[in-house]
PDB file of N, CA and C in Angstrom:
ATOM      1  N   UNK A   1       7.505  -6.468  -3.755  1.00  0.00           N
ATOM      2  CA  UNK A   1       7.504  -7.749  -3.088  1.00  0.00           C
ATOM      3  C   UNK A   1       7.648  -7.514  -1.587  1.00  0.00           C
ATOM      4  N   UNK A   2       7.017  -8.315  -0.791  1.00  0.00           N
ATOM      5  CA  UNK A   2       7.082  -8.169   0.657  1.00  0.00           C
ATOM      6  C   UNK A   2       8.176  -9.023   1.248  1.00  0.00           C
ATOM      7  N   UNK A   3       8.663  -8.627   2.385  1.00  0.00           N
ATOM      8  CA  UNK A   3       9.647  -9.424   3.097  1.00  0.00           C
ATOM      9  C   UNK A   3       9.273  -9.438   4.570  1.00  0.00           C
ATOM     10  N   UNK A   4       9.626 -10.529   5.236  1.00  0.00           N
ATOM     11  CA  UNK A   4       9.251 -10.688   6.636  1.00  0.00           C
ATOM     12  C   UNK A   4      10.376 -10.212   7.548  1.00  0.00           C
ATOM     13  N   UNK A   5      10.024  -9.449   8.553  1.00  0.00           N
ATOM     14  CA  UNK A   5      10.990  -8.977   9.547  1.00  0.00           C
ATOM     15  C   UNK A   5      10.415  -9.306  10.913  1.00  0.00           C
ATOM     16  N   UNK A   6      10.712 -10.512  11.385  1.00  0.00           N
ATOM     17  CA  UNK A   6      10.154 -10.946  12.663  1.00  0.00           C
ATOM     18  C   UNK A   6       8.675 -11.192  12.495  1.00  0.00           C
ATOM     19  N   UNK A   7       7.863 -10.516  13.278  1.00  0.00           N
ATOM     20  CA  UNK A   7       6.412 -10.673  13.177  1.00  0.00           C
ATOM     21  C   UNK A   7       5.772  -9.587  12.310  1.00  0.00           C
ATOM     22  N   UNK A   8       6.596  -8.812  11.619  1.00  0.00           N
ATOM     23  CA  UNK A   8       6.082  -7.734  10.766  1.00  0.00           C
ATOM     24  C   UNK A   8       6.457  -8.005   9.313  1.00  0.00           C
ATOM     25  N   UNK A   9       5.690  -7.441   8.418  1.00  0.00           N
ATOM     26  CA  UNK A   9       5.954  -7.581   6.990  1.00  0.00           C
ATOM     27  C   UNK A   9       6.243  -6.213   6.405  1.00  0.00           C
ATOM     28  N   UNK A  10       7.276  -6.143   5.593  1.00  0.00           N
ATOM     29  CA  UNK A  10       7.638  -4.906   4.914  1.00  0.00           C
ATOM     30  C   UNK A  10       7.220  -5.034   3.460  1.00  0.00           C
ATOM     31  N   UNK A  11       6.538  -4.020   2.941  1.00  0.00           N
ATOM     32  CA  UNK A  11       6.064  -4.043   1.568  1.00  0.00           C
ATOM     33  C   UNK A  11       6.775  -2.947   0.790  1.00  0.00           C
ATOM     34  N   UNK A  12       7.348  -3.323  -0.347  1.00  0.00           N
ATOM     35  CA  UNK A  12       7.983  -2.355  -1.243  1.00  0.00           C
ATOM     36  C   UNK A  12       7.077  -2.157  -2.444  1.00  0.00           C
ATOM     37  N   UNK A  13       6.615  -0.927  -2.648  1.00  0.00           N
ATOM     38  CA  UNK A  13       5.779  -0.605  -3.793  1.00  0.00           C
ATOM     39  C   UNK A  13       6.658  -0.025  -4.884  1.00  0.00           C
ATOM     40  N   UNK A  14       6.516  -0.551  -6.078  1.00  0.00           N
ATOM     41  CA  UNK A  14       7.241  -0.003  -7.223  1.00  0.00           C
ATOM     42  C   UNK A  14       6.202   0.321  -8.288  1.00  0.00           C
ATOM     43  N   UNK A  15       6.075   1.587  -8.585  1.00  0.00           N
ATOM     44  CA  UNK A  15       5.115   2.027  -9.584  1.00  0.00           C
ATOM     45  C   UNK A  15       5.777   3.068 -10.472  1.00  0.00           C
ATOM     46  N   UNK A  16       5.505   2.975 -11.740  1.00  0.00           N
ATOM     47  CA  UNK A  16       6.003   3.956 -12.685  1.00  0.00           C
ATOM     48  C   UNK A  16       4.804   4.767 -13.166  1.00  0.00           C
ATOM     49  N   UNK A  17       4.840   6.065 -12.893  1.00  0.00           N
ATOM     50  CA  UNK A  17       3.704   6.929 -13.207  1.00  0.00           C
ATOM     51  C   UNK A  17       4.203   8.133 -13.989  1.00  0.00           C
ATOM     52  N   UNK A  18       3.447   8.486 -15.007  1.00  0.00           N
ATOM     53  CA  UNK A  18       3.758   9.680 -15.782  1.00  0.00           C
ATOM     54  C   UNK A  18       2.536  10.588 -15.755  1.00  0.00           C
ATOM     55  N   UNK A  19       2.736  11.784 -15.264  1.00  0.00           N
ATOM     56  CA  UNK A  19       1.651  12.770 -15.254  1.00  0.00           C
ATOM     57  C   UNK A  19       1.594  13.419 -16.631  1.00  0.00           C
ATOM     58  N   UNK A  20       0.412  13.442 -17.215  1.00  0.00           N
ATOM     59  CA  UNK A  20       0.262  13.992 -18.554  1.00  0.00           C
ATOM     60  C   UNK A  20       0.215  15.517 -18.561  1.00  0.00           C
ATOM     61  N   UNK A  21      -0.182  16.094 -17.451  1.00  0.00           N
ATOM     62  CA  UNK A  21      -0.262  17.553 -17.366  1.00  0.00           C
ATOM     63  C   UNK A  21       0.720  18.027 -16.296  1.00  0.00           C
ATOM     64  N   UNK A  22       1.393  19.117 -16.565  1.00  0.00           N
ATOM     65  CA  UNK A  22       2.444  19.616 -15.670  1.00  0.00           C
ATOM     66  C   UNK A  22       1.944  19.892 -14.256  1.00  0.00           C
ATOM     67  N   UNK A  23       0.772  20.490 -14.114  1.00  0.00           N
ATOM     68  CA  UNK A  23       0.295  20.847 -12.784  1.00  0.00           C
ATOM     69  C   UNK A  23      -0.051  19.611 -11.952  1.00  0.00           C
ATOM     70  N   UNK A  24      -0.258  18.466 -12.563  1.00  0.00           N
ATOM     71  CA  UNK A  24      -0.579  17.249 -11.821  1.00  0.00           C
ATOM     72  C   UNK A  24       0.656  16.573 -11.239  1.00  0.00           C
ATOM     73  N   UNK A  25       1.814  16.902 -11.760  1.00  0.00           N
ATOM     74  CA  UNK A  25       3.055  16.286 -11.284  1.00  0.00           C
ATOM     75  C   UNK A  25       3.248  16.491  -9.786  1.00  0.00           C
ATOM     76  N   UNK A  26       2.802  17.618  -9.277  1.00  0.00           N
ATOM     77  CA  UNK A  26       2.982  17.904  -7.853  1.00  0.00           C
ATOM     78  C   UNK A  26       2.105  17.019  -6.976  1.00  0.00           C
ATOM     79  N   UNK A  27       1.045  16.460  -7.537  1.00  0.00           N
ATOM     80  CA  UNK A  27       0.116  15.639  -6.754  1.00  0.00           C
ATOM     81  C   UNK A  27       0.344  14.139  -6.891  1.00  0.00           C
ATOM     82  N   UNK A  28       1.187  13.728  -7.831  1.00  0.00           N
ATOM     83  CA  UNK A  28       1.387  12.306  -8.091  1.00  0.00           C
ATOM     84  C   UNK A  28       1.926  11.579  -6.864  1.00  0.00           C
ATOM     85  N   UNK A  29       2.974  12.084  -6.261  1.00  0.00           N
ATOM     86  CA  UNK A  29       3.600  11.415  -5.116  1.00  0.00           C
ATOM     87  C   UNK A  29       2.611  11.291  -3.951  1.00  0.00           C
ATOM     88  N   UNK A  30       1.910  12.353  -3.638  1.00  0.00           N
ATOM     89  CA  UNK A  30       0.942  12.321  -2.542  1.00  0.00           C
ATOM     90  C   UNK A  30      -0.191  11.345  -2.846  1.00  0.00           C
ATOM     91  N   UNK A  31      -0.642  11.320  -4.089  1.00  0.00           N
ATOM     92  CA  UNK A  31      -1.714  10.408  -4.473  1.00  0.00           C
ATOM     93  C   UNK A  31      -1.295   8.952  -4.359  1.00  0.00           C
ATOM     94  N   UNK A  32      -0.076   8.643  -4.777  1.00  0.00           N
ATOM     95  CA  UNK A  32       0.428   7.274  -4.675  1.00  0.00           C
ATOM     96  C   UNK A  32       0.581   6.852  -3.220  1.00  0.00           C
ATOM     97  N   UNK A  33       1.094   7.740  -2.388  1.00  0.00           N
ATOM     98  CA  UNK A  33       1.244   7.419  -0.970  1.00  0.00           C
ATOM     99  C   UNK A  33      -0.110   7.113  -0.333  1.00  0.00           C
ATOM    100  N   UNK A  34      -1.125   7.887  -0.708  1.00  0.00           N
ATOM    101  CA  UNK A  34      -2.464   7.666  -0.172  1.00  0.00           C
ATOM    102  C   UNK A  34      -3.005   6.306  -0.610  1.00  0.00           C
ATOM    103  N   UNK A  35      -2.828   5.956  -1.882  1.00  0.00           N
ATOM    104  CA  UNK A  35      -3.283   4.662  -2.383  1.00  0.00           C
ATOM    105  C   UNK A  35      -2.571   3.514  -1.683  1.00  0.00           C
ATOM    106  N   UNK A  36      -1.268   3.651  -1.490  1.00  0.00           N
ATOM    107  CA  UNK A  36      -0.483   2.599  -0.850  1.00  0.00           C
ATOM    108  C   UNK A  36      -0.889   2.432   0.607  1.00  0.00           C
ATOM    109  N   UNK A  37      -1.120   3.531   1.291  1.00  0.00           N
ATOM    110  CA  UNK A  37      -1.554   3.478   2.682  1.00  0.00           C
ATOM    111  C   UNK A  37      -2.903   2.779   2.797  1.00  0.00           C
ATOM    112  N   UNK A  38      -3.815   3.090   1.877  1.00  0.00           N
ATOM    113  CA  UNK A  38      -5.135   2.460   1.877  1.00  0.00           C
ATOM    114  C   UNK A  38      -5.025   0.966   1.566  1.00  0.00           C
ATOM    115  N   UNK A  39      -4.135   0.594   0.646  1.00  0.00           N
ATOM    116  CA  UNK A  39      -3.933  -0.809   0.311  1.00  0.00           C
ATOM    117  C   UNK A  39      -3.464  -1.604   1.529  1.00  0.00           C
ATOM    118  N   UNK A  40      -2.500  -1.053   2.262  1.00  0.00           N
ATOM    119  CA  UNK A  40      -1.985  -1.727   3.457  1.00  0.00           C
ATOM    120  C   UNK A  40      -3.073  -1.820   4.519  1.00  0.00           C
ATOM    121  N   UNK A  41      -3.848  -0.763   4.692  1.00  0.00           N
ATOM    122  CA  UNK A  41      -4.937  -0.779   5.679  1.00  0.00           C
ATOM    123  C   UNK A  41      -5.967  -1.844   5.315  1.00  0.00           C
ATOM    124  N   UNK A  42      -6.339  -1.917   4.048  1.00  0.00           N
ATOM    125  CA  UNK A  42      -7.301  -2.926   3.594  1.00  0.00           C
ATOM    126  C   UNK A  42      -6.746  -4.331   3.797  1.00  0.00           C
ATOM    127  N   UNK A  43      -5.481  -4.527   3.485  1.00  0.00           N
ATOM    128  CA  UNK A  43      -4.845  -5.839   3.645  1.00  0.00           C
ATOM    129  C   UNK A  43      -4.818  -6.254   5.107  1.00  0.00           C
ATOM    130  N   UNK A  44      -4.582  -5.302   5.998  1.00  0.00           N
ATOM    131  CA  UNK A  44      -4.549  -5.583   7.437  1.00  0.00           C
ATOM    132  C   UNK A  44      -5.927  -6.005   7.926  1.00  0.00           C
ATOM    133  N   UNK A  45      -6.968  -5.339   7.453  1.00  0.00           N
ATOM    134  CA  UNK A  45      -8.338  -5.681   7.843  1.00  0.00           C
ATOM    135  C   UNK A  45      -8.686  -7.087   7.373  1.00  0.00           C
ATOM    136  N   UNK A  46      -8.342  -7.401   6.137  1.00  0.00           N
ATOM    137  CA  UNK A  46      -8.634  -8.730   5.586  1.00  0.00           C
ATOM    138  C   UNK A  46      -7.892  -9.799   6.376  1.00  0.00           C
ATOM    139  N   UNK A  47      -6.630  -9.538   6.697  1.00  0.00           N
ATOM    140  CA  UNK A  47      -5.837 -10.509   7.447  1.00  0.00           C
ATOM    141  C   UNK A  47      -6.438 -10.742   8.834  1.00  0.00           C
ATOM    142  N   UNK A  48      -6.841  -9.675   9.515  1.00  0.00           N
ATOM    143  CA  UNK A  48      -7.392  -9.831  10.860  1.00  0.00           C
ATOM    144  C   UNK A  48      -8.732 -10.575  10.821  1.00  0.00           C
ATOM    145  N   UNK A  49      -9.529 -10.356   9.782  1.00  0.00           N
ATOM    146  CA  UNK A  49     -10.803 -11.073   9.651  1.00  0.00           C
ATOM    147  C   UNK A  49     -10.573 -12.555   9.394  1.00  0.00           C
ATOM    148  N   UNK A  50      -9.572 -12.866   8.592  1.00  0.00           N
ATOM    149  CA  UNK A  50      -9.257 -14.270   8.325  1.00  0.00           C
ATOM    150  C   UNK A  50      -8.793 -14.967   9.604  1.00  0.00           C
ATOM    151  N   UNK A  51      -7.997 -14.263  10.405  1.00  0.00           N
ATOM    152  CA  UNK A  51      -7.512 -14.838  11.668  1.00  0.00           C
ATOM    153  C   UNK A  51      -8.674 -15.044  12.645  1.00  0.00           C
ATOM    154  N   UNK A  52      -9.643 -14.149  12.649  1.00  0.00           N
ATOM    155  CA  UNK A  52     -10.805 -14.295  13.528  1.00  0.00           C
ATOM    156  C   UNK A  52     -11.639 -15.502  13.126  1.00  0.00           C
ATOM    157  N   UNK A  53     -11.740 -15.766  11.853  1.00  0.00           N
ATOM    158  CA  UNK A  53     -12.532 -16.900  11.368  1.00  0.00           C
ATOM    159  C   UNK A  53     -11.887 -18.242  11.720  1.00  0.00           C
ATOM    160  N   UNK A  54     -10.594 -18.265  11.927  1.00  0.00           N
ATOM    161  CA  UNK A  54      -9.887 -19.503  12.271  1.00  0.00           C
ATOM    162  C   UNK A  54     -10.140 -19.934  13.689  1.00  0.00           C
ATOM    163  N   UNK A  55     -10.540 -19.008  14.542  1.00  0.00           N
ATOM    164  CA  UNK A  55     -10.744 -19.311  15.974  1.00  0.00           C
ATOM    165  C   UNK A  55     -11.976 -20.139  16.168  1.00  0.00           C
TER     166      UNK A  55
END
């Protein structure tokens, strides 16, 4: 859930992931961080486009 801090929004991601193969366990955290970073970047782009359309 997100929370507002002044003019910024903080997003808390909660995901439960189980790696089925032992060697993949080392990549799970990095993979999730990459997905979360991309999600925030995409959300920022969508928000800025919506704000541009309001002008």
